[in-house]
PDB file of N, CA and C in Angstrom:
ATOM      1  N   UNK A   1     -36.272  17.367   1.357  1.00  0.00           N
ATOM      2  CA  UNK A   1     -35.257  17.447   2.388  1.00  0.00           C
ATOM      3  C   UNK A   1     -34.357  16.209   2.283  1.00  0.00           C
ATOM      4  N   UNK A   2     -33.035  16.373   2.116  1.00  0.00           N
ATOM      5  CA  UNK A   2     -32.148  15.219   1.947  1.00  0.00           C
ATOM      6  C   UNK A   2     -31.968  14.450   3.253  1.00  0.00           C
ATOM      7  N   UNK A   3     -31.813  13.148   3.105  1.00  0.00           N
ATOM      8  CA  UNK A   3     -31.567  12.300   4.276  1.00  0.00           C
ATOM      9  C   UNK A   3     -30.064  12.077   4.421  1.00  0.00           C
ATOM     10  N   UNK A   4     -29.629  11.853   5.622  1.00  0.00           N
ATOM     11  CA  UNK A   4     -28.207  11.601   5.877  1.00  0.00           C
ATOM     12  C   UNK A   4     -27.828  10.218   5.357  1.00  0.00           C
ATOM     13  N   UNK A   5     -26.658  10.125   4.789  1.00  0.00           N
ATOM     14  CA  UNK A   5     -26.182   8.839   4.271  1.00  0.00           C
ATOM     15  C   UNK A   5     -25.677   7.989   5.419  1.00  0.00           C
ATOM     16  N   UNK A   6     -25.980   6.705   5.343  1.00  0.00           N
ATOM     17  CA  UNK A   6     -25.485   5.778   6.360  1.00  0.00           C
ATOM     18  C   UNK A   6     -24.244   5.085   5.817  1.00  0.00           C
ATOM     19  N   UNK A   7     -23.166   5.185   6.546  1.00  0.00           N
ATOM     20  CA  UNK A   7     -21.905   4.568   6.134  1.00  0.00           C
ATOM     21  C   UNK A   7     -21.601   3.437   7.107  1.00  0.00           C
ATOM     22  N   UNK A   8     -21.493   2.235   6.567  1.00  0.00           N
ATOM     23  CA  UNK A   8     -21.219   1.076   7.411  1.00  0.00           C
ATOM     24  C   UNK A   8     -19.758   0.697   7.287  1.00  0.00           C
ATOM     25  N   UNK A   9     -19.191   0.278   8.377  1.00  0.00           N
ATOM     26  CA  UNK A   9     -17.790  -0.126   8.385  1.00  0.00           C
ATOM     27  C   UNK A   9     -17.633  -1.479   7.704  1.00  0.00           C
ATOM     28  N   UNK A  10     -16.616  -1.607   6.874  1.00  0.00           N
ATOM     29  CA  UNK A  10     -16.356  -2.871   6.193  1.00  0.00           C
ATOM     30  C   UNK A  10     -15.642  -3.854   7.106  1.00  0.00           C
ATOM     31  N   UNK A  11     -15.046  -3.356   8.178  1.00  0.00           N
ATOM     32  CA  UNK A  11     -14.313  -4.209   9.109  1.00  0.00           C
ATOM     33  C   UNK A  11     -15.257  -4.608  10.235  1.00  0.00           C
ATOM     34  N   UNK A  12     -15.522  -5.900  10.401  1.00  0.00           N
ATOM     35  CA  UNK A  12     -16.420  -6.310  11.481  1.00  0.00           C
ATOM     36  C   UNK A  12     -15.763  -6.100  12.841  1.00  0.00           C
ATOM     37  N   UNK A  13     -16.551  -5.673  13.779  1.00  0.00           N
ATOM     38  CA  UNK A  13     -16.011  -5.453  15.120  1.00  0.00           C
ATOM     39  C   UNK A  13     -15.895  -6.785  15.846  1.00  0.00           C
ATOM     40  N   UNK A  14     -14.863  -6.898  16.664  1.00  0.00           N
ATOM     41  CA  UNK A  14     -14.656  -8.122  17.426  1.00  0.00           C
ATOM     42  C   UNK A  14     -15.577  -8.137  18.633  1.00  0.00           C
ATOM     43  N   UNK A  15     -15.973  -9.318  18.998  1.00  0.00           N
ATOM     44  CA  UNK A  15     -16.768  -9.448  20.215  1.00  0.00           C
ATOM     45  C   UNK A  15     -15.839  -9.408  21.412  1.00  0.00           C
ATOM     46  N   UNK A  16     -16.273  -8.709  22.418  1.00  0.00           N
ATOM     47  CA  UNK A  16     -15.486  -8.660  23.647  1.00  0.00           C
ATOM     48  C   UNK A  16     -16.178  -9.500  24.698  1.00  0.00           C
ATOM     49  N   UNK A  17     -15.395 -10.242  25.406  1.00  0.00           N
ATOM     50  CA  UNK A  17     -15.947 -11.075  26.460  1.00  0.00           C
ATOM     51  C   UNK A  17     -16.363 -10.203  27.634  1.00  0.00           C
ATOM     52  N   UNK A  18     -17.397 -10.635  28.320  1.00  0.00           N
ATOM     53  CA  UNK A  18     -17.861  -9.887  29.487  1.00  0.00           C
ATOM     54  C   UNK A  18     -16.838  -9.981  30.616  1.00  0.00           C
ATOM     55  N   UNK A  19     -16.093 -11.076  30.649  1.00  0.00           N
ATOM     56  CA  UNK A  19     -15.067 -11.266  31.678  1.00  0.00           C
ATOM     57  C   UNK A  19     -13.710 -11.038  31.028  1.00  0.00           C
ATOM     58  N   UNK A  20     -12.961 -10.010  31.453  1.00  0.00           N
ATOM     59  CA  UNK A  20     -11.658  -9.756  30.835  1.00  0.00           C
ATOM     60  C   UNK A  20     -10.661 -10.856  31.163  1.00  0.00           C
ATOM     61  N   UNK A  21      -9.718 -11.044  30.271  1.00  0.00           N
ATOM     62  CA  UNK A  21      -8.693 -12.066  30.484  1.00  0.00           C
ATOM     63  C   UNK A  21      -7.780 -11.642  31.622  1.00  0.00           C
ATOM     64  N   UNK A  22      -7.513 -12.562  32.527  1.00  0.00           N
ATOM     65  CA  UNK A  22      -6.675 -12.243  33.682  1.00  0.00           C
ATOM     66  C   UNK A  22      -5.197 -12.236  33.307  1.00  0.00           C
ATOM     67  N   UNK A  23      -4.835 -12.998  32.294  1.00  0.00           N
ATOM     68  CA  UNK A  23      -3.422 -13.127  31.949  1.00  0.00           C
ATOM     69  C   UNK A  23      -2.835 -11.813  31.456  1.00  0.00           C
ATOM     70  N   UNK A  24      -3.558 -11.070  30.637  1.00  0.00           N
ATOM     71  CA  UNK A  24      -3.011  -9.824  30.106  1.00  0.00           C
ATOM     72  C   UNK A  24      -2.807  -8.802  31.219  1.00  0.00           C
ATOM     73  N   UNK A  25      -3.726  -8.739  32.158  1.00  0.00           N
ATOM     74  CA  UNK A  25      -3.574  -7.823  33.279  1.00  0.00           C
ATOM     75  C   UNK A  25      -2.392  -8.194  34.151  1.00  0.00           C
ATOM     76  N   UNK A  26      -2.195  -9.487  34.354  1.00  0.00           N
ATOM     77  CA  UNK A  26      -1.081  -9.951  35.177  1.00  0.00           C
ATOM     78  C   UNK A  26       0.248  -9.665  34.497  1.00  0.00           C
ATOM     79  N   UNK A  27       0.322  -9.868  33.195  1.00  0.00           N
ATOM     80  CA  UNK A  27       1.587  -9.623  32.499  1.00  0.00           C
ATOM     81  C   UNK A  27       1.933  -8.138  32.495  1.00  0.00           C
ATOM     82  N   UNK A  28       0.917  -7.279  32.399  1.00  0.00           N
ATOM     83  CA  UNK A  28       1.181  -5.838  32.471  1.00  0.00           C
ATOM     84  C   UNK A  28       1.692  -5.462  33.859  1.00  0.00           C
ATOM     85  N   UNK A  29       1.115  -6.052  34.888  1.00  0.00           N
ATOM     86  CA  UNK A  29       1.545  -5.769  36.255  1.00  0.00           C
ATOM     87  C   UNK A  29       2.980  -6.230  36.477  1.00  0.00           C
ATOM     88  N   UNK A  30       3.326  -7.388  35.954  1.00  0.00           N
ATOM     89  CA  UNK A  30       4.689  -7.903  36.098  1.00  0.00           C
ATOM     90  C   UNK A  30       5.678  -6.993  35.382  1.00  0.00           C
ATOM     91  N   UNK A  31       5.322  -6.515  34.198  1.00  0.00           N
ATOM     92  CA  UNK A  31       6.213  -5.624  33.450  1.00  0.00           C
ATOM     93  C   UNK A  31       6.437  -4.316  34.196  1.00  0.00           C
ATOM     94  N   UNK A  32       5.380  -3.750  34.748  1.00  0.00           N
ATOM     95  CA  UNK A  32       5.513  -2.495  35.500  1.00  0.00           C
ATOM     96  C   UNK A  32       6.332  -2.717  36.762  1.00  0.00           C
ATOM     97  N   UNK A  33       6.108  -3.839  37.444  1.00  0.00           N
ATOM     98  CA  UNK A  33       6.853  -4.132  38.669  1.00  0.00           C
ATOM     99  C   UNK A  33       8.342  -4.313  38.382  1.00  0.00           C
ATOM    100  N   UNK A  34       8.675  -5.009  37.301  1.00  0.00           N
ATOM    101  CA  UNK A  34      10.089  -5.189  36.946  1.00  0.00           C
ATOM    102  C   UNK A  34      10.748  -3.867  36.586  1.00  0.00           C
ATOM    103  N   UNK A  35      10.067  -3.055  35.793  1.00  0.00           N
ATOM    104  CA  UNK A  35      10.613  -1.762  35.392  1.00  0.00           C
ATOM    105  C   UNK A  35      10.840  -0.875  36.617  1.00  0.00           C
ATOM    106  N   UNK A  36       9.880  -0.859  37.533  1.00  0.00           N
ATOM    107  CA  UNK A  36      10.009  -0.040  38.742  1.00  0.00           C
ATOM    108  C   UNK A  36      11.119  -0.559  39.640  1.00  0.00           C
ATOM    109  N   UNK A  37      11.212  -1.876  39.766  1.00  0.00           N
ATOM    110  CA  UNK A  37      12.247  -2.470  40.608  1.00  0.00           C
ATOM    111  C   UNK A  37      13.643  -2.176  40.090  1.00  0.00           C
ATOM    112  N   UNK A  38      13.825  -2.262  38.783  1.00  0.00           N
ATOM    113  CA  UNK A  38      15.139  -1.959  38.195  1.00  0.00           C
ATOM    114  C   UNK A  38      15.489  -0.491  38.409  1.00  0.00           C
ATOM    115  N   UNK A  39      14.514   0.387  38.231  1.00  0.00           N
ATOM    116  CA  UNK A  39      14.760   1.817  38.453  1.00  0.00           C
ATOM    117  C   UNK A  39      15.127   2.122  39.892  1.00  0.00           C
ATOM    118  N   UNK A  40      14.431   1.487  40.829  1.00  0.00           N
ATOM    119  CA  UNK A  40      14.753   1.694  42.243  1.00  0.00           C
ATOM    120  C   UNK A  40      16.143   1.161  42.579  1.00  0.00           C
ATOM    121  N   UNK A  41      16.510   0.027  42.009  1.00  0.00           N
ATOM    122  CA  UNK A  41      17.831  -0.546  42.265  1.00  0.00           C
ATOM    123  C   UNK A  41      18.937   0.361  41.738  1.00  0.00           C
ATOM    124  N   UNK A  42      18.771   0.884  40.536  1.00  0.00           N
ATOM    125  CA  UNK A  42      19.766   1.800  39.967  1.00  0.00           C
ATOM    126  C   UNK A  42      19.869   3.064  40.812  1.00  0.00           C
ATOM    127  N   UNK A  43      18.735   3.584  41.260  1.00  0.00           N
ATOM    128  CA  UNK A  43      18.749   4.786  42.100  1.00  0.00           C
ATOM    129  C   UNK A  43      19.442   4.525  43.431  1.00  0.00           C
ATOM    130  N   UNK A  44      19.192   3.374  44.022  1.00  0.00           N
ATOM    131  CA  UNK A  44      19.814   3.028  45.300  1.00  0.00           C
ATOM    132  C   UNK A  44      21.325   2.909  45.157  1.00  0.00           C
ATOM    133  N   UNK A  45      21.787   2.254  44.100  1.00  0.00           N
ATOM    134  CA  UNK A  45      23.226   2.115  43.868  1.00  0.00           C
ATOM    135  C   UNK A  45      23.861   3.483  43.656  1.00  0.00           C
ATOM    136  N   UNK A  46      23.192   4.358  42.913  1.00  0.00           N
ATOM    137  CA  UNK A  46      23.733   5.697  42.665  1.00  0.00           C
ATOM    138  C   UNK A  46      23.829   6.499  43.952  1.00  0.00           C
ATOM    139  N   UNK A  47      22.843   6.383  44.819  1.00  0.00           N
ATOM    140  CA  UNK A  47      22.871   7.123  46.088  1.00  0.00           C
ATOM    141  C   UNK A  47      23.954   6.564  47.004  1.00  0.00           C
ATOM    142  N   UNK A  48      24.087   5.243  47.058  1.00  0.00           N
ATOM    143  CA  UNK A  48      25.099   4.628  47.922  1.00  0.00           C
ATOM    144  C   UNK A  48      26.507   5.009  47.467  1.00  0.00           C
ATOM    145  N   UNK A  49      26.741   5.036  46.161  1.00  0.00           N
ATOM    146  CA  UNK A  49      28.064   5.374  45.643  1.00  0.00           C
ATOM    147  C   UNK A  49      28.306   6.877  45.585  1.00  0.00           C
ATOM    148  N   UNK A  50      27.311   7.668  45.885  1.00  0.00           N
ATOM    149  CA  UNK A  50      27.467   9.118  45.907  1.00  0.00           C
ATOM    150  C   UNK A  50      27.551   9.740  44.533  1.00  0.00           C
ATOM    151  N   UNK A  51      26.900   9.167  43.543  1.00  0.00           N
ATOM    152  CA  UNK A  51      26.939   9.700  42.181  1.00  0.00           C
ATOM    153  C   UNK A  51      25.783  10.665  41.959  1.00  0.00           C
ATOM    154  N   UNK A  52      25.820  11.793  42.616  1.00  0.00           N
ATOM    155  CA  UNK A  52      24.710  12.729  42.493  1.00  0.00           C
ATOM    156  C   UNK A  52      24.806  13.566  41.224  1.00  0.00           C
ATOM    157  N   UNK A  53      26.003  13.800  40.699  1.00  0.00           N
ATOM    158  CA  UNK A  53      26.159  14.649  39.529  1.00  0.00           C
ATOM    159  C   UNK A  53      26.128  13.901  38.213  1.00  0.00           C
ATOM    160  N   UNK A  54      25.920  12.596  38.259  1.00  0.00           N
ATOM    161  CA  UNK A  54      25.965  11.792  37.052  1.00  0.00           C
ATOM    162  C   UNK A  54      24.641  11.843  36.294  1.00  0.00           C
ATOM    163  N   UNK A  55      23.548  12.128  36.972  1.00  0.00           N
ATOM    164  CA  UNK A  55      22.228  12.113  36.329  1.00  0.00           C
ATOM    165  C   UNK A  55      22.157  13.174  35.248  1.00  0.00           C
ATOM    166  N   UNK A  56      21.663  12.793  34.125  1.00  0.00           N
ATOM    167  CA  UNK A  56      21.566  13.720  32.992  1.00  0.00           C
ATOM    168  C   UNK A  56      20.167  14.286  32.934  1.00  0.00           C
TER     169      UNK A  56
END
């Protein structure tokens, strides 16, 4: 009965810290907040100026 071949990865896996880095989470939150804020500002200006037919 043949045995299954074991294939090992040549690329070593990185160790992950038990405590995630706070900086990466904060930078993602800042990016999402800026993107959302800009979108809300553009929408508000469009509504105030009455540009309802401009949206594509």
